Amino acid sequence: MRTSLKTLRKYLRFIENSFIYPYNNGRIEGINNKINVLNRVAYGYRNFQNYKNRIILPFKLKPADKQSEQKQLRSKAA
């Protein structure tokens, strides 16, 4: 019981903030969980680009194609 009370006292400020502010990391945790599930399931991707696009698809982001990535890399290098 003492350990529990000590922990609550230690983190009381952070606990209070969680009630005051509407921000949390739930969305990021969900994204990480989906990626980890995909890692467990995805054995047969031929290349990293297909794997990356498969991660991006559920989040409705635009999958990057190889040519645009190479152009970005070249422009950064120049």
PDB file of N, CA and C in Angstrom:
ATOM      1  N   MET A   1       0.827  -1.189   0.000  1.00  0.00           N
ATOM      2  CA  MET A   1       0.000   0.000   0.000  1.00  0.00           C
ATOM      3  C   MET A   1       0.877   1.262   0.000  1.00  0.00           C
ATOM      4  N   ARG A   2       1.954   1.242   0.755  1.00  0.00           N
ATOM      5  CA  ARG A   2       2.837   2.411   0.796  1.00  0.00           C
ATOM      6  C   ARG A   2       3.451   2.700  -0.565  1.00  0.00           C
ATOM      7  N   THR A   3       3.815   1.640  -1.250  1.00  0.00           N
ATOM      8  CA  THR A   3       4.420   1.821  -2.568  1.00  0.00           C
ATOM      9  C   THR A   3       3.428   2.475  -3.523  1.00  0.00           C
ATOM     10  N   SER A   4       2.173   2.059  -3.458  1.00  0.00           N
ATOM     11  CA  SER A   4       1.150   2.640  -4.331  1.00  0.00           C
ATOM     12  C   SER A   4       0.952   4.118  -4.030  1.00  0.00           C
ATOM     13  N   LEU A   5       0.872   4.470  -2.758  1.00  0.00           N
ATOM     14  CA  LEU A   5       0.697   5.871  -2.380  1.00  0.00           C
ATOM     15  C   LEU A   5       1.907   6.711  -2.770  1.00  0.00           C
ATOM     16  N   LYS A   6       3.082   6.149  -2.603  1.00  0.00           N
ATOM     17  CA  LYS A   6       4.303   6.853  -2.977  1.00  0.00           C
ATOM     18  C   LYS A   6       4.324   7.129  -4.489  1.00  0.00           C
ATOM     19  N   THR A   7       3.911   6.148  -5.267  1.00  0.00           N
ATOM     20  CA  THR A   7       3.862   6.309  -6.718  1.00  0.00           C
ATOM     21  C   THR A   7       2.839   7.365  -7.104  1.00  0.00           C
ATOM     22  N   LEU A   8       1.664   7.341  -6.475  1.00  0.00           N
ATOM     23  CA  LEU A   8       0.643   8.344  -6.772  1.00  0.00           C
ATOM     24  C   LEU A   8       1.132   9.749  -6.443  1.00  0.00           C
ATOM     25  N   ARG A   9       1.783   9.896  -5.305  1.00  0.00           N
ATOM     26  CA  ARG A   9       2.317  11.209  -4.940  1.00  0.00           C
ATOM     27  C   ARG A   9       3.370  11.674  -5.936  1.00  0.00           C
ATOM     28  N   LYS A  10       4.192  10.744  -6.372  1.00  0.00           N
ATOM     29  CA  LYS A  10       5.272  11.080  -7.303  1.00  0.00           C
ATOM     30  C   LYS A  10       4.721  11.590  -8.636  1.00  0.00           C
ATOM     31  N   TYR A  11       3.629  10.986  -9.114  1.00  0.00           N
ATOM     32  CA  TYR A  11       3.091  11.314 -10.427  1.00  0.00           C
ATOM     33  C   TYR A  11       1.807  12.143 -10.354  1.00  0.00           C
ATOM     34  N   LEU A  12       1.482  12.710  -9.202  1.00  0.00           N
ATOM     35  CA  LEU A  12       0.234  13.445  -9.024  1.00  0.00           C
ATOM     36  C   LEU A  12       0.106  14.607 -10.010  1.00  0.00           C
ATOM     37  N   ARG A  13       1.169  15.329 -10.222  1.00  0.00           N
ATOM     38  CA  ARG A  13       1.141  16.468 -11.142  1.00  0.00           C
ATOM     39  C   ARG A  13       0.774  16.019 -12.556  1.00  0.00           C
ATOM     40  N   PHE A  14       1.332  14.914 -12.994  1.00  0.00           N
ATOM     41  CA  PHE A  14       1.061  14.407 -14.335  1.00  0.00           C
ATOM     42  C   PHE A  14      -0.359  13.867 -14.442  1.00  0.00           C
ATOM     43  N   ILE A  15      -0.827  13.243 -13.394  1.00  0.00           N
ATOM     44  CA  ILE A  15      -2.200  12.729 -13.377  1.00  0.00           C
ATOM     45  C   ILE A  15      -3.192  13.888 -13.459  1.00  0.00           C
ATOM     46  N   GLU A  16      -2.940  14.952 -12.712  1.00  0.00           N
ATOM     47  CA  GLU A  16      -3.808  16.132 -12.764  1.00  0.00           C
ATOM     48  C   GLU A  16      -3.815  16.738 -14.167  1.00  0.00           C
ATOM     49  N   ASN A  17      -2.656  16.799 -14.787  1.00  0.00           N
ATOM     50  CA  ASN A  17      -2.571  17.337 -16.152  1.00  0.00           C
ATOM     51  C   ASN A  17      -3.392  16.510 -17.139  1.00  0.00           C
ATOM     52  N   SER A  18      -3.467  15.205 -16.922  1.00  0.00           N
ATOM     53  CA  SER A  18      -4.233  14.365 -17.838  1.00  0.00           C
ATOM     54  C   SER A  18      -5.718  14.688 -17.778  1.00  0.00           C
ATOM     55  N   PHE A  19      -6.201  15.213 -16.659  1.00  0.00           N
ATOM     56  CA  PHE A  19      -7.599  15.620 -16.562  1.00  0.00           C
ATOM     57  C   PHE A  19      -7.816  17.038 -17.094  1.00  0.00           C
ATOM     58  N   ILE A  20      -6.804  17.870 -17.013  1.00  0.00           N
ATOM     59  CA  ILE A  20      -6.937  19.261 -17.429  1.00  0.00           C
ATOM     60  C   ILE A  20      -6.832  19.408 -18.945  1.00  0.00           C
ATOM     61  N   TYR A  21      -5.834  18.771 -19.549  1.00  0.00           N
ATOM     62  CA  TYR A  21      -5.559  18.944 -20.970  1.00  0.00           C
ATOM     63  C   TYR A  21      -6.157  17.811 -21.795  1.00  0.00           C
ATOM     64  N   PRO A  22      -6.658  18.121 -23.001  1.00  0.00           N
ATOM     65  CA  PRO A  22      -7.314  17.097 -23.817  1.00  0.00           C
ATOM     66  C   PRO A  22      -6.347  16.247 -24.642  1.00  0.00           C
ATOM     67  N   TYR A  23      -5.058  16.365 -24.410  1.00  0.00           N
ATOM     68  CA  TYR A  23      -4.071  15.655 -25.222  1.00  0.00           C
ATOM     69  C   TYR A  23      -3.725  14.310 -24.597  1.00  0.00           C
ATOM     70  N   ASN A  24      -3.518  13.321 -25.458  1.00  0.00           N
ATOM     71  CA  ASN A  24      -3.014  12.030 -24.998  1.00  0.00           C
ATOM     72  C   ASN A  24      -2.282  11.361 -26.150  1.00  0.00           C
ATOM     73  N   ASN A  25      -1.673  10.245 -25.870  1.00  0.00           N
ATOM     74  CA  ASN A  25      -0.898   9.566 -26.905  1.00  0.00           C
ATOM     75  C   ASN A  25      -1.620   8.326 -27.430  1.00  0.00           C
ATOM     76  N   GLY A  26      -2.926   8.287 -27.266  1.00  0.00           N
ATOM     77  CA  GLY A  26      -3.710   7.137 -27.716  1.00  0.00           C
ATOM     78  C   GLY A  26      -3.604   6.880 -29.204  1.00  0.00           C
ATOM     79  N   ARG A  27      -3.642   7.922 -29.999  1.00  0.00           N
ATOM     80  CA  ARG A  27      -3.575   7.751 -31.448  1.00  0.00           C
ATOM     81  C   ARG A  27      -2.223   7.173 -31.865  1.00  0.00           C
ATOM     82  N   ILE A  28      -1.152   7.676 -31.282  1.00  0.00           N
ATOM     83  CA  ILE A  28       0.182   7.163 -31.611  1.00  0.00           C
ATOM     84  C   ILE A  28       0.317   5.707 -31.175  1.00  0.00           C
ATOM     85  N   GLU A  29      -0.206   5.383 -29.996  1.00  0.00           N
ATOM     86  CA  GLU A  29      -0.152   3.996 -29.526  1.00  0.00           C
ATOM     87  C   GLU A  29      -0.915   3.077 -30.476  1.00  0.00           C
ATOM     88  N   GLY A  30      -2.055   3.552 -30.998  1.00  0.00           N
ATOM     89  CA  GLY A  30      -2.823   2.754 -31.952  1.00  0.00           C
ATOM     90  C   GLY A  30      -2.049   2.517 -33.239  1.00  0.00           C
ATOM     91  N   ILE A  31      -1.390   3.553 -33.724  1.00  0.00           N
ATOM     92  CA  ILE A  31      -0.578   3.417 -34.938  1.00  0.00           C
ATOM     93  C   ILE A  31       0.549   2.422 -34.706  1.00  0.00           C
ATOM     94  N   ASN A  32       1.236   2.546 -33.575  1.00  0.00           N
ATOM     95  CA  ASN A  32       2.324   1.611 -33.263  1.00  0.00           C
ATOM     96  C   ASN A  32       1.814   0.181 -33.170  1.00  0.00           C
ATOM     97  N   ASN A  33       0.644   0.003 -32.581  1.00  0.00           N
ATOM     98  CA  ASN A  33       0.078  -1.341 -32.459  1.00  0.00           C
ATOM     99  C   ASN A  33      -0.213  -1.925 -33.841  1.00  0.00           C
ATOM    100  N   LYS A  34      -0.800  -1.128 -34.742  1.00  0.00           N
ATOM    101  CA  LYS A  34      -1.082  -1.624 -36.094  1.00  0.00           C
ATOM    102  C   LYS A  34       0.197  -2.010 -36.822  1.00  0.00           C
ATOM    103  N   ILE A  35       1.239  -1.221 -36.659  1.00  0.00           N
ATOM    104  CA  ILE A  35       2.513  -1.529 -37.308  1.00  0.00           C
ATOM    105  C   ILE A  35       3.097  -2.819 -36.733  1.00  0.00           C
ATOM    106  N   ASN A  36       3.003  -2.992 -35.418  1.00  0.00           N
ATOM    107  CA  ASN A  36       3.523  -4.217 -34.806  1.00  0.00           C
ATOM    108  C   ASN A  36       2.746  -5.447 -35.256  1.00  0.00           C
ATOM    109  N   VAL A  37       1.419  -5.329 -35.399  1.00  0.00           N
ATOM    110  CA  VAL A  37       0.616  -6.444 -35.904  1.00  0.00           C
ATOM    111  C   VAL A  37       1.027  -6.764 -37.330  1.00  0.00           C
ATOM    112  N   LEU A  38       1.231  -5.728 -38.140  1.00  0.00           N
ATOM    113  CA  LEU A  38       1.669  -5.946 -39.518  1.00  0.00           C
ATOM    114  C   LEU A  38       3.025  -6.640 -39.550  1.00  0.00           C
ATOM    115  N   ASN A  39       3.929  -6.288 -38.639  1.00  0.00           N
ATOM    116  CA  ASN A  39       5.240  -6.951 -38.575  1.00  0.00           C
ATOM    117  C   ASN A  39       5.085  -8.437 -38.316  1.00  0.00           C
ATOM    118  N   ARG A  40       4.143  -8.797 -37.461  1.00  0.00           N
ATOM    119  CA  ARG A  40       3.940 -10.210 -37.156  1.00  0.00           C
ATOM    120  C   ARG A  40       3.348 -10.963 -38.336  1.00  0.00           C
ATOM    121  N   VAL A  41       2.502 -10.291 -39.095  1.00  0.00           N
ATOM    122  CA  VAL A  41       1.788 -10.950 -40.189  1.00  0.00           C
ATOM    123  C   VAL A  41       2.579 -10.917 -41.491  1.00  0.00           C
ATOM    124  N   ALA A  42       3.343  -9.853 -41.728  1.00  0.00           N
ATOM    125  CA  ALA A  42       3.957  -9.598 -43.032  1.00  0.00           C
ATOM    126  C   ALA A  42       5.289 -10.310 -43.175  1.00  0.00           C
ATOM    127  N   TYR A  43       5.243 -11.512 -43.663  1.00  0.00           N
ATOM    128  CA  TYR A  43       6.489 -12.228 -43.923  1.00  0.00           C
ATOM    129  C   TYR A  43       6.928 -12.078 -45.372  1.00  0.00           C
ATOM    130  N   GLY A  44       5.980 -11.954 -46.313  1.00  0.00           N
ATOM    131  CA  GLY A  44       6.328 -12.103 -47.711  1.00  0.00           C
ATOM    132  C   GLY A  44       6.469 -10.842 -48.525  1.00  0.00           C
ATOM    133  N   TYR A  45       6.736  -9.703 -47.940  1.00  0.00           N
ATOM    134  CA  TYR A  45       6.920  -8.510 -48.758  1.00  0.00           C
ATOM    135  C   TYR A  45       8.266  -8.588 -49.468  1.00  0.00           C
ATOM    136  N   ARG A  46       8.234  -8.309 -50.762  1.00  0.00           N
ATOM    137  CA  ARG A  46       9.444  -8.465 -51.561  1.00  0.00           C
ATOM    138  C   ARG A  46      10.458  -7.362 -51.314  1.00  0.00           C
ATOM    139  N   ASN A  47       9.965  -6.167 -51.057  1.00  0.00           N
ATOM    140  CA  ASN A  47      10.907  -5.085 -50.820  1.00  0.00           C
ATOM    141  C   ASN A  47      10.350  -4.131 -49.768  1.00  0.00           C
ATOM    142  N   PHE A  48      11.199  -3.269 -49.300  1.00  0.00           N
ATOM    143  CA  PHE A  48      10.828  -2.366 -48.228  1.00  0.00           C
ATOM    144  C   PHE A  48       9.760  -1.373 -48.666  1.00  0.00           C
ATOM    145  N   GLN A  49       9.779  -0.959 -49.935  1.00  0.00           N
ATOM    146  CA  GLN A  49       8.804   0.017 -50.426  1.00  0.00           C
ATOM    147  C   GLN A  49       7.385  -0.532 -50.314  1.00  0.00           C
ATOM    148  N   ASN A  50       7.172  -1.801 -50.677  1.00  0.00           N
ATOM    149  CA  ASN A  50       5.848  -2.406 -50.542  1.00  0.00           C
ATOM    150  C   ASN A  50       5.429  -2.464 -49.077  1.00  0.00           C
ATOM    151  N   TYR A  51       6.352  -2.807 -48.232  1.00  0.00           N
ATOM    152  CA  TYR A  51       6.073  -2.883 -46.800  1.00  0.00           C
ATOM    153  C   TYR A  51       5.704  -1.502 -46.251  1.00  0.00           C
ATOM    154  N   LYS A  52       6.453  -0.493 -46.650  1.00  0.00           N
ATOM    155  CA  LYS A  52       6.191   0.874 -46.197  1.00  0.00           C
ATOM    156  C   LYS A  52       4.819   1.344 -46.677  1.00  0.00           C
ATOM    157  N   ASN A  53       4.493   1.077 -47.934  1.00  0.00           N
ATOM    158  CA  ASN A  53       3.187   1.458 -48.468  1.00  0.00           C
ATOM    159  C   ASN A  53       2.061   0.738 -47.728  1.00  0.00           C
ATOM    160  N   ARG A  54       2.284  -0.508 -47.348  1.00  0.00           N
ATOM    161  CA  ARG A  54       1.265  -1.265 -46.609  1.00  0.00           C
ATOM    162  C   ARG A  54       1.042  -0.670 -45.219  1.00  0.00           C
ATOM    163  N   ILE A  55       2.061  -0.096 -44.631  1.00  0.00           N
ATOM    164  CA  ILE A  55       1.919   0.560 -43.335  1.00  0.00           C
ATOM    165  C   ILE A  55       1.141   1.865 -43.494  1.00  0.00           C
ATOM    166  N   ILE A  56       1.424   2.599 -44.561  1.00  0.00           N
ATOM    167  CA  ILE A  56       0.818   3.914 -44.762  1.00  0.00           C
ATOM    168  C   ILE A  56      -0.653   3.816 -45.163  1.00  0.00           C
ATOM    169  N   LEU A  57      -1.036   2.778 -45.880  1.00  0.00           N
ATOM    170  CA  LEU A  57      -2.404   2.660 -46.400  1.00  0.00           C
ATOM    171  C   LEU A  57      -3.508   2.796 -45.346  1.00  0.00           C
ATOM    172  N   PRO A  58      -3.464   2.114 -44.221  1.00  0.00           N
ATOM    173  CA  PRO A  58      -4.578   2.217 -43.269  1.00  0.00           C
ATOM    174  C   PRO A  58      -4.768   3.617 -42.688  1.00  0.00           C
ATOM    175  N   PHE A  59      -3.766   4.451 -42.765  1.00  0.00           N
ATOM    176  CA  PHE A  59      -3.855   5.785 -42.173  1.00  0.00           C
ATOM    177  C   PHE A  59      -4.236   6.831 -43.209  1.00  0.00           C
ATOM    178  N   LYS A  60      -4.614   6.364 -44.420  1.00  0.00           N
ATOM    179  CA  LYS A  60      -5.102   7.225 -45.498  1.00  0.00           C
ATOM    180  C   LYS A  60      -4.111   8.316 -45.873  1.00  0.00           C
ATOM    181  N   LEU A  61      -2.850   7.981 -45.802  1.00  0.00           N
ATOM    182  CA  LEU A  61      -1.808   8.877 -46.278  1.00  0.00           C
ATOM    183  C   LEU A  61      -1.457   8.469 -47.696  1.00  0.00           C
ATOM    184  N   LYS A  62      -0.872   9.371 -48.436  1.00  0.00           N
ATOM    185  CA  LYS A  62      -0.500   9.059 -49.809  1.00  0.00           C
ATOM    186  C   LYS A  62       0.781   8.244 -49.814  1.00  0.00           C
ATOM    187  N   PRO A  63       0.724   7.004 -50.340  1.00  0.00           N
ATOM    188  CA  PRO A  63       1.958   6.213 -50.414  1.00  0.00           C
ATOM    189  C   PRO A  63       2.973   6.879 -51.331  1.00  0.00           C
ATOM    190  N   ALA A  64       4.207   6.898 -50.907  1.00  0.00           N
ATOM    191  CA  ALA A  64       5.277   7.511 -51.698  1.00  0.00           C
ATOM    192  C   ALA A  64       5.743   6.526 -52.755  1.00  0.00           C
ATOM    193  N   ASP A  65       5.964   7.029 -53.960  1.00  0.00           N
ATOM    194  CA  ASP A  65       6.521   6.160 -54.991  1.00  0.00           C
ATOM    195  C   ASP A  65       8.032   6.316 -54.993  1.00  0.00           C
ATOM    196  N   LYS A  66       8.709   5.383 -55.593  1.00  0.00           N
ATOM    197  CA  LYS A  66      10.169   5.348 -55.559  1.00  0.00           C
ATOM    198  C   LYS A  66      10.802   6.572 -56.206  1.00  0.00           C
ATOM    199  N   GLN A  67      10.251   7.018 -57.329  1.00  0.00           N
ATOM    200  CA  GLN A  67      10.868   8.112 -58.070  1.00  0.00           C
ATOM    201  C   GLN A  67      10.848   9.406 -57.263  1.00  0.00           C
ATOM    202  N   SER A  68       9.729   9.697 -56.600  1.00  0.00           N
ATOM    203  CA  SER A  68       9.669  10.947 -55.832  1.00  0.00           C
ATOM    204  C   SER A  68      10.623  10.890 -54.641  1.00  0.00           C
ATOM    205  N   GLU A  69      10.791   9.714 -54.039  1.00  0.00           N
ATOM    206  CA  GLU A  69      11.746   9.589 -52.937  1.00  0.00           C
ATOM    207  C   GLU A  69      13.175   9.812 -53.421  1.00  0.00           C
ATOM    208  N   GLN A  70      13.505   9.246 -54.580  1.00  0.00           N
ATOM    209  CA  GLN A  70      14.851   9.411 -55.115  1.00  0.00           C
ATOM    210  C   GLN A  70      15.126  10.867 -55.459  1.00  0.00           C
ATOM    211  N   LYS A  71      14.113  11.575 -55.987  1.00  0.00           N
ATOM    212  CA  LYS A  71      14.281  12.991 -56.304  1.00  0.00           C
ATOM    213  C   LYS A  71      14.528  13.788 -55.030  1.00  0.00           C
ATOM    214  N   GLN A  72      13.806  13.454 -53.958  1.00  0.00           N
ATOM    215  CA  GLN A  72      13.992  14.158 -52.690  1.00  0.00           C
ATOM    216  C   GLN A  72      15.394  13.919 -52.153  1.00  0.00           C
ATOM    217  N   LEU A  73      15.867  12.678 -52.256  1.00  0.00           N
ATOM    218  CA  LEU A  73      17.204  12.366 -51.767  1.00  0.00           C
ATOM    219  C   LEU A  73      18.270  13.120 -52.558  1.00  0.00           C
ATOM    220  N   ARG A  74      18.081  13.192 -53.892  1.00  0.00           N
ATOM    221  CA  ARG A  74      19.035  13.903 -54.720  1.00  0.00           C
ATOM    222  C   ARG A  74      19.054  15.389 -54.397  1.00  0.00           C
ATOM    223  N   SER A  75      17.863  15.979 -54.186  1.00  0.00           N
ATOM    224  CA  SER A  75      17.811  17.416 -53.905  1.00  0.00           C
ATOM    225  C   SER A  75      18.427  17.733 -52.543  1.00  0.00           C
ATOM    226  N   LYS A  76      18.295  16.831 -51.579  1.00  0.00           N
ATOM    227  CA  LYS A  76      18.920  17.047 -50.265  1.00  0.00           C
ATOM    228  C   LYS A  76      20.440  16.934 -50.357  1.00  0.00           C
ATOM    229  N   ALA A  77      20.907  16.035 -51.220  1.00  0.00           N
ATOM    230  CA  ALA A  77      22.336  15.816 -51.354  1.00  0.00           C
ATOM    231  C   ALA A  77      23.008  16.988 -52.092  1.00  0.00           C
ATOM    232  N   ALA A  78      22.258  17.654 -52.950  1.00  0.00           N
ATOM    233  CA  ALA A  78      22.851  18.748 -53.751  1.00  0.00           C
ATOM    234  C   ALA A  78      23.013  20.016 -52.976  1.00  0.00           C
TER     235      ALA A  78
END
